[in-house]
Protein backbone atom coordinates (compact mmCIF):
# COMPACT_ATOMS: atom_id res chain seq x y z
CA MET A 1 14.59 -9.07 -13.54
CA GLN A 2 15.41 -12.15 -11.51
CA THR A 3 17.07 -12.15 -8.11
CA GLU A 4 17.71 -14.68 -5.39
CA LEU A 5 14.44 -13.66 -3.72
CA SER A 6 12.33 -13.92 -6.87
CA ASN A 7 13.83 -17.35 -7.53
CA THR A 8 13.04 -18.43 -3.97
CA LEU A 9 9.41 -17.43 -4.46
CA GLY A 10 9.20 -18.87 -7.95
CA VAL A 11 8.38 -15.67 -9.85
CA GLU A 12 9.76 -14.53 -13.19
CA HIS A 13 10.26 -10.86 -12.32
CA ALA A 14 11.30 -9.38 -8.96
CA ILE A 15 8.30 -7.06 -9.01
CA PHE A 16 6.02 -7.23 -5.99
CA GLY A 17 2.70 -5.49 -6.54
CA PHE A 18 0.59 -4.35 -3.60
CA THR A 19 -3.06 -3.63 -4.40
CA PRO A 20 -6.48 -3.58 -2.71
CA PHE A 21 -8.04 -5.10 -5.85
CA PRO A 22 -8.19 -8.91 -6.28
CA ALA A 23 -8.23 -8.65 -10.08
CA VAL A 24 -5.04 -6.60 -10.07
CA ALA A 25 -3.28 -8.93 -7.63
CA ALA A 26 -4.10 -11.94 -9.78
CA ALA A 27 -3.03 -10.14 -12.96
CA ILE A 28 0.32 -9.18 -11.41
CA SER A 29 1.03 -12.81 -10.56
CA ARG A 30 -0.06 -14.00 -14.00
CA ALA A 31 2.24 -11.43 -15.62
CA GLY A 32 5.24 -12.92 -13.84
CA GLY A 33 5.36 -10.72 -10.76
CA PHE A 34 4.17 -11.34 -7.21
CA GLY A 35 0.69 -10.02 -6.45
CA VAL A 36 -0.02 -8.96 -2.87
CA LEU A 37 -3.65 -8.34 -1.86
CA GLY A 38 -4.23 -5.64 0.74
CA ALA A 39 -6.52 -6.91 3.50
CA VAL A 40 -7.14 -3.76 5.52
CA ARG A 41 -10.55 -3.07 3.97
CA TYR A 42 -11.90 -6.54 4.80
CA THR A 43 -13.68 -6.17 8.11
CA ALA A 44 -15.76 -9.32 7.53
CA PRO A 45 -13.82 -12.61 7.24
CA ASP A 46 -16.33 -13.98 4.70
CA ASP A 47 -15.57 -11.10 2.34
CA LEU A 48 -11.85 -11.84 2.45
CA LYS A 49 -12.55 -15.54 1.92
CA ARG A 50 -14.68 -14.73 -1.13
CA ASP A 51 -11.94 -12.65 -2.73
CA LEU A 52 -9.14 -15.09 -1.88
CA ASP A 53 -11.25 -17.81 -3.50
CA TRP A 54 -11.40 -15.62 -6.61
CA VAL A 55 -7.66 -14.89 -6.57
CA GLU A 56 -6.83 -18.56 -6.13
CA LYS A 57 -8.90 -19.39 -9.24
CA HIS A 58 -7.33 -16.64 -11.37
CA VAL A 59 -3.58 -16.71 -10.64
CA ASP A 60 -3.05 -19.76 -12.87
CA GLY A 61 -1.14 -21.48 -10.10
CA LYS A 62 1.28 -18.58 -9.65
CA PRO A 63 2.30 -17.44 -6.13
CA TYR A 64 0.70 -14.51 -4.30
CA GLY A 65 0.62 -12.93 -0.85
CA LEU A 66 -1.43 -10.90 1.62
CA ASP A 67 -0.78 -7.53 3.26
CA VAL A 68 -2.26 -6.84 6.70
CA VAL A 69 -1.99 -3.94 9.11
CA MET A 70 -1.45 -4.87 12.72
CA PRO A 71 0.63 -3.40 15.55
CA ALA A 72 3.40 -5.37 17.21
CA LYS A 73 1.77 -4.55 20.57
CA LYS A 74 -1.92 -4.75 21.33
CA VAL A 75 -4.24 -3.07 23.80
CA GLU A 76 -6.52 -5.55 25.53
CA GLY A 77 -10.25 -5.02 25.91
CA VAL A 78 -10.66 -1.96 23.68
CA THR A 79 -13.62 -2.08 21.31
CA GLU A 80 -14.49 0.10 18.33
CA ALA A 81 -17.21 1.75 20.43
CA ASP A 82 -14.64 2.64 23.09
CA VAL A 83 -12.48 4.30 20.46
CA GLU A 84 -15.44 6.14 18.91
CA ALA A 85 -16.27 7.62 22.32
CA MET A 86 -12.85 9.30 22.42
CA ILE A 87 -13.58 11.51 19.39
CA PRO A 88 -14.24 15.13 20.46
CA GLU A 89 -17.56 16.65 19.42
CA GLY A 90 -15.76 19.66 17.95
CA HIS A 91 -14.05 17.43 15.41
CA ARG A 92 -17.35 15.79 14.48
CA GLN A 93 -18.85 19.22 13.91
CA TYR A 94 -15.90 20.25 11.74
CA VAL A 95 -16.55 17.25 9.48
CA LYS A 96 -20.24 18.16 9.22
CA ASP A 97 -19.47 21.79 8.43
CA THR A 98 -16.89 20.93 5.79
CA LEU A 99 -19.20 18.48 4.03
CA ALA A 100 -22.04 21.00 4.15
CA GLN A 101 -19.79 23.67 2.64
CA TYR A 102 -19.36 21.49 -0.45
CA GLY A 103 -22.94 20.24 -0.55
CA VAL A 104 -22.06 16.59 0.02
CA PRO A 105 -25.32 14.58 0.29
CA GLU A 106 -26.04 12.27 3.19
CA LEU A 107 -25.94 8.49 2.75
CA ALA A 108 -29.30 6.84 2.28
CA GLU A 109 -31.13 5.87 5.46
CA GLY A 110 -29.72 2.63 6.79
CA GLU A 111 -26.73 2.69 4.41
CA ALA A 112 -23.51 1.92 6.20
CA SER A 113 -20.21 3.61 5.55
CA GLY A 114 -18.36 1.70 2.85
CA TRP A 115 -14.94 2.33 4.38
CA ARG A 116 -13.97 1.77 7.98
CA ILE A 117 -10.58 1.75 9.58
CA THR A 118 -11.40 -1.19 11.82
CA GLY A 119 -8.99 -3.20 9.67
CA TRP A 120 -6.27 -1.42 11.63
CA MET A 121 -7.51 -2.98 14.86
CA GLU A 122 -5.55 -6.06 15.90
CA GLN A 123 -8.50 -8.36 16.48
CA VAL A 124 -9.72 -7.71 12.92
CA ALA A 125 -6.28 -8.38 11.44
CA ARG A 126 -6.10 -11.66 13.35
CA SER A 127 -9.44 -12.75 11.92
CA GLN A 128 -8.01 -11.98 8.47
CA LEU A 129 -5.04 -14.22 9.17
CA ASP A 130 -7.32 -17.04 10.29
CA VAL A 131 -8.80 -16.93 6.80
CA ALA A 132 -5.56 -16.31 4.90
CA PHE A 133 -3.67 -19.26 6.35
CA ASP A 134 -6.23 -21.61 4.81
CA TYR A 135 -4.86 -20.53 1.40
CA PRO A 136 -1.44 -21.19 -0.17
CA VAL A 137 -0.18 -17.63 0.38
CA LYS A 138 3.60 -17.43 0.08
CA LEU A 139 4.14 -14.05 1.75
CA LEU A 140 2.59 -12.14 4.64
CA ALA A 141 3.43 -8.43 4.67
CA ASN A 142 2.69 -6.02 7.49
CA ALA A 143 2.48 -2.29 6.84
CA LEU A 144 2.68 -1.22 10.49
CA GLY A 145 6.06 -2.56 11.51
CA SER A 146 6.87 -6.11 12.54
CA PRO A 147 3.85 -8.31 13.27
CA PRO A 148 3.49 -9.77 16.77
CA ALA A 149 5.94 -12.57 17.53
CA ASP A 150 3.26 -15.27 17.55
CA VAL A 151 2.09 -14.22 14.09
CA ILE A 152 5.63 -14.44 12.71
CA ALA A 153 5.99 -17.90 14.26
CA ARG A 154 2.64 -19.03 12.87
CA ALA A 155 3.57 -17.87 9.38
CA HIS A 156 6.96 -19.59 9.53
CA ASP A 157 5.32 -22.81 10.74
CA GLN A 158 3.28 -22.77 7.54
CA GLY A 159 6.23 -21.97 5.31
CA VAL A 160 5.11 -18.37 4.72
CA LEU A 161 7.71 -15.62 4.46
CA VAL A 162 7.08 -12.45 6.46
CA ALA A 163 7.82 -8.93 5.22
CA ALA A 164 7.58 -5.60 7.03
CA LEU A 165 7.80 -2.03 5.79
CA ALA A 166 10.49 0.28 7.13
CA GLY A 167 11.11 3.99 6.69
CA SER A 168 14.56 4.07 8.25
CA ALA A 169 17.56 1.83 8.87
CA ARG A 170 16.69 1.83 12.56
CA HIS A 171 13.23 0.46 11.85
CA ALA A 172 14.72 -2.12 9.51
CA ARG A 173 17.11 -3.40 12.19
CA LYS A 174 14.17 -3.86 14.58
CA HIS A 175 12.40 -5.93 11.93
CA ALA A 176 15.49 -8.11 11.51
CA GLU A 177 15.71 -8.59 15.28
CA ALA A 178 12.03 -9.58 15.33
CA GLY A 179 12.72 -12.41 12.88
CA ILE A 180 11.09 -11.16 9.70
CA ASP A 181 12.38 -12.44 6.35
CA ILE A 182 12.11 -9.43 4.01
CA VAL A 183 12.37 -5.69 4.64
CA VAL A 184 10.46 -3.30 2.37
CA ALA A 185 12.38 -0.01 2.36
CA GLN A 186 9.61 2.50 1.70
CA GLY A 187 10.80 5.96 0.80
CA TYR A 188 9.24 9.37 1.31
CA GLU A 189 7.87 9.40 -2.26
CA ALA A 190 5.56 6.44 -1.70
CA GLY A 191 1.79 6.53 -1.42
CA GLY A 192 0.18 5.87 1.94
CA HIS A 193 2.11 5.99 5.20
CA THR A 194 5.72 7.04 4.74
CA GLY A 195 8.66 8.33 6.69
CA GLU A 196 10.95 11.27 5.96
CA ILE A 197 13.76 9.64 3.95
CA ALA A 198 13.77 9.47 0.13
CA SER A 199 14.19 6.13 -1.64
CA MET A 200 17.62 6.86 -3.17
CA VAL A 201 19.03 7.40 0.32
CA LEU A 202 16.91 4.87 2.19
CA THR A 203 17.36 1.76 0.05
CA PRO A 204 21.15 1.35 0.38
CA GLU A 205 21.01 2.29 4.07
CA VAL A 206 18.49 -0.48 4.73
CA VAL A 207 20.39 -2.97 2.55
CA ASP A 208 23.52 -2.38 4.63
CA ALA A 209 21.60 -2.40 7.92
CA VAL A 210 19.95 -5.82 7.52
CA ASP A 211 22.43 -7.69 5.32
CA PRO A 212 22.02 -10.56 4.40
CA LEU A 213 18.21 -10.23 4.59
CA PRO A 214 16.64 -9.38 1.22
CA VAL A 215 15.31 -5.85 0.78
CA LEU A 216 12.58 -4.60 -1.55
CA ALA A 217 12.73 -0.96 -2.65
CA ALA A 218 9.48 1.03 -2.55
CA GLY A 219 8.50 4.63 -3.19
CA GLY A 220 8.55 6.59 -6.43
CA ILE A 221 9.21 3.55 -8.64
CA GLY A 222 7.22 3.22 -11.84
CA SER A 223 9.64 2.50 -14.69
CA GLY A 224 12.04 -0.25 -15.65
CA GLN A 225 14.92 2.19 -15.34
CA GLN A 226 13.96 2.78 -11.72
CA VAL A 227 13.73 -0.97 -11.12
CA ALA A 228 17.28 -1.31 -12.44
CA ALA A 229 18.39 1.52 -10.15
CA ALA A 230 16.81 -0.20 -7.14
CA LEU A 231 18.64 -3.44 -7.89
CA ALA A 232 21.87 -1.49 -8.38
CA LEU A 233 21.38 -0.06 -4.89
CA GLY A 234 21.30 -3.57 -3.47
CA ALA A 235 17.57 -4.34 -3.40
CA GLN A 236 16.41 -7.81 -4.46
CA GLY A 237 13.21 -6.47 -5.98
CA VAL A 238 10.74 -3.61 -5.94
CA TRP A 239 7.44 -3.11 -4.13
CA LEU A 240 4.99 -1.15 -6.28
CA GLY A 241 1.56 0.07 -5.16
CA SER A 242 0.42 3.34 -6.73
CA LEU A 243 1.26 2.27 -10.29
CA TRP A 244 -1.63 -0.21 -10.42
CA LEU A 245 -4.37 2.30 -9.54
CA THR A 246 -4.90 3.34 -13.17
CA THR A 247 -4.71 -0.15 -14.67
CA THR A 248 -7.77 -1.43 -16.48
CA GLU A 249 -8.18 -4.22 -13.91
CA ALA A 250 -8.41 -1.77 -10.98
CA GLU A 251 -11.89 -1.50 -9.46
CA MET A 252 -11.84 2.19 -8.57
CA HIS A 253 -15.64 2.56 -8.76
CA SER A 254 -15.15 6.23 -9.55
CA ARG A 255 -14.46 7.54 -13.01
CA ALA A 256 -13.89 11.01 -11.60
CA LEU A 257 -11.14 9.73 -9.31
CA THR A 258 -9.45 7.84 -12.13
CA GLN A 259 -9.46 11.01 -14.21
CA LYS A 260 -7.91 12.98 -11.34
CA LEU A 261 -5.12 10.43 -11.08
CA LEU A 262 -4.47 10.49 -14.82
CA ALA A 263 -4.30 14.29 -14.80
CA ALA A 264 -2.14 14.66 -11.68
CA GLY A 265 1.53 15.57 -11.76
CA SER A 266 4.24 14.36 -9.42
CA GLY A 267 3.82 17.55 -7.36
CA ASP A 268 0.09 17.05 -6.79
CA THR A 269 0.39 14.85 -3.69
CA VAL A 270 0.81 15.75 -0.05
CA ARG A 271 1.70 13.93 3.16
CA SER A 272 -1.32 14.53 5.34
CA ARG A 273 -2.81 13.05 8.51
CA ALA A 274 -6.33 13.67 7.18
CA LEU A 275 -7.10 10.05 6.36
CA THR A 276 -5.76 8.02 9.28
CA GLY A 277 -4.05 10.30 11.78
CA LYS A 278 -0.56 9.34 10.61
CA PRO A 279 1.26 11.08 7.73
CA ALA A 280 0.10 9.40 4.53
CA ARG A 281 0.87 10.58 1.00
CA GLN A 282 -2.27 11.14 -1.06
CA LEU A 283 -3.69 13.38 -3.73
CA ARG A 284 -3.83 16.95 -2.50
CA THR A 285 -7.47 18.05 -2.40
CA GLU A 286 -9.59 20.64 -0.67
CA TRP A 287 -10.32 17.94 1.90
CA THR A 288 -6.62 17.55 2.81
CA ASP A 289 -6.26 21.34 2.76
CA ALA A 290 -9.14 21.63 5.24
CA TRP A 291 -7.39 19.32 7.72
CA ASP A 292 -4.08 21.09 7.32
CA ASP A 293 -5.69 24.51 7.83
CA PRO A 294 -4.24 26.09 11.01
CA ASN A 295 -7.69 27.55 11.72
CA GLY A 296 -9.20 24.04 11.90
CA PRO A 297 -9.17 21.68 14.88
CA GLY A 298 -6.30 19.59 13.50
CA THR A 299 -6.27 15.86 13.01
CA LEU A 300 -6.64 13.23 15.72
CA PRO A 301 -4.18 10.38 16.34
CA MET A 302 -4.67 6.96 14.80
CA PRO A 303 -7.17 5.29 14.90
CA LEU A 304 -9.45 8.17 15.98
CA GLN A 305 -9.01 10.17 12.76
CA GLY A 306 -9.85 7.19 10.57
CA LEU A 307 -13.05 6.49 12.47
CA LEU A 308 -13.95 10.19 12.49
CA VAL A 309 -13.76 10.58 8.70
CA ALA A 310 -14.94 7.13 7.61
CA GLU A 311 -18.50 8.13 6.71
CA ALA A 312 -17.35 11.42 5.20
CA VAL A 313 -14.90 9.63 2.90
CA SER A 314 -17.65 7.23 1.83
CA ARG A 315 -19.98 10.11 1.02
CA ILE A 316 -17.30 12.00 -0.92
CA GLN A 317 -16.51 8.89 -2.95
CA LYS A 318 -20.10 7.81 -3.55
CA TYR A 319 -21.22 11.20 -4.82
CA GLU A 320 -17.87 11.95 -6.52
CA VAL A 321 -17.52 15.39 -4.99
CA GLU A 322 -14.58 16.38 -7.19
CA PRO A 323 -12.90 19.07 -5.03
CA LEU A 324 -12.74 16.69 -2.05
CA LEU A 325 -12.17 13.44 -3.95
CA GLY A 326 -8.79 11.83 -3.37
CA THR A 327 -6.91 8.63 -2.60
CA PRO A 328 -3.55 7.54 -1.22
CA VAL A 329 -1.01 7.68 -4.06
CA GLY A 330 2.71 8.32 -4.42
CA GLN A 331 4.64 10.89 -6.38
CA ILE A 332 4.90 8.39 -9.24
CA VAL A 333 1.35 9.53 -10.11
CA GLY A 334 3.01 11.94 -12.55
CA ARG A 335 3.86 8.94 -14.77
CA MET A 336 0.38 7.41 -14.48
CA ASN A 337 -1.11 9.31 -17.41
CA SER A 338 -2.86 6.54 -19.33
CA GLU A 339 -5.01 3.51 -18.52
CA ARG A 340 -3.20 0.28 -19.33
CA SER A 341 -3.58 -3.37 -18.48
CA VAL A 342 -1.35 -4.90 -15.83
CA GLN A 343 0.37 -6.89 -18.58
CA ALA A 344 1.07 -3.68 -20.54
CA VAL A 345 2.64 -2.17 -17.41
CA PHE A 346 4.87 -5.23 -17.08
CA ASP A 347 5.85 -5.03 -20.73
CA ASP A 348 6.88 -1.40 -20.22
CA LEU A 349 8.80 -2.24 -17.04
CA THR A 350 10.76 -5.04 -18.68
CA ARG A 351 11.61 -2.94 -21.76
CA GLY A 352 12.79 -0.07 -19.58
CA PHE A 353 14.84 -2.43 -17.43
CA GLU A 354 16.60 -3.89 -20.46
CA LYS A 355 17.41 -0.40 -21.81
CA ALA A 356 18.85 0.66 -18.44
CA VAL A 357 21.02 -2.45 -18.16
CA ASP A 358 22.26 -2.00 -21.74
CA ARG A 359 23.11 1.64 -20.97
CA ILE A 360 25.13 0.68 -17.91
CA ASN A 361 26.92 -2.05 -19.85
CA ARG A 362 27.93 0.49 -22.50
CA ILE A 363 29.21 2.86 -19.84
CA ALA A 364 31.19 0.02 -18.30
CA GLY A 365 32.55 -1.00 -21.72
CA ARG A 366 30.84 -4.39 -21.61
CA SER A 367 28.43 -3.96 -24.51
CA GLU A 368 28.91 -6.17 -27.57
CA ALA A 369 27.35 -3.49 -29.79
């Protein structure tokens, strides 16, 4: 599974693995792929430094990258407190009422919410980059379009490639015009924020739109056969995120959530604005149903929704309130029905890839068998 891009980055397999877990990122790189650590949850620079120290010690000298979330344009002088003040009281009451309906306990006195969406704020992302550029990261990915021009220039000055996610050919062209190096074509099936176009349609459209820039296919990919299909569509690799959530190295901190993922089928996800205010694919739960209920107040735009539900999400996760418990995940969750190591996932991907290539060679009359 080698391509021009994987050779450029010095990795054995053209499999790029996005994950919020340092242990998973390191394991992906050790297995011959390219581990990408998600930085959005690191609101304190020292925490990111601690985990990058750990990754650096455990990748065995293999390359890795960082994924941030920052807008191409910023709003000056806006603090988190300013944003919090924009949240209507009716929405706050709806959160309280919904949690009370399911008997979700309060956090202990003085205990802070474990999840905040401040990582989406540009000043936080810039502090993450100040840390990251002290490490030998080979790739900087941005999940919210092209990074600001000065960030792209700074990365290039340090020899770091820049990738950006796109949900349409139009978005991809804008990334190319902004000077990014790699486009991640993320289809409708993917976990987290997605557009409206499925991967089978999107990937070749983006490949044609940004040629000769390399494209990574993302969304609904979890087998070697699908990797082969992505490369056949013109991609130079695949970008996998959801698949790693049920690996043994993942630090889910919730056995109940892991069990829900293992039991879920490919039809058990929904694109909902409940988590961040933008459509994001996640497990369908009674929490997402509550926010999609036409009798409710509806979700708020980003970043208001994320700040509104931050404490609620922490409480649901801490107390493992099963009906409300969920996580961003793609439709590939239907294949995630056993806990395996990252290396075992790679072994399965490579075997499936070889079978798919052999099958195509037989169809084309090129097999020696």
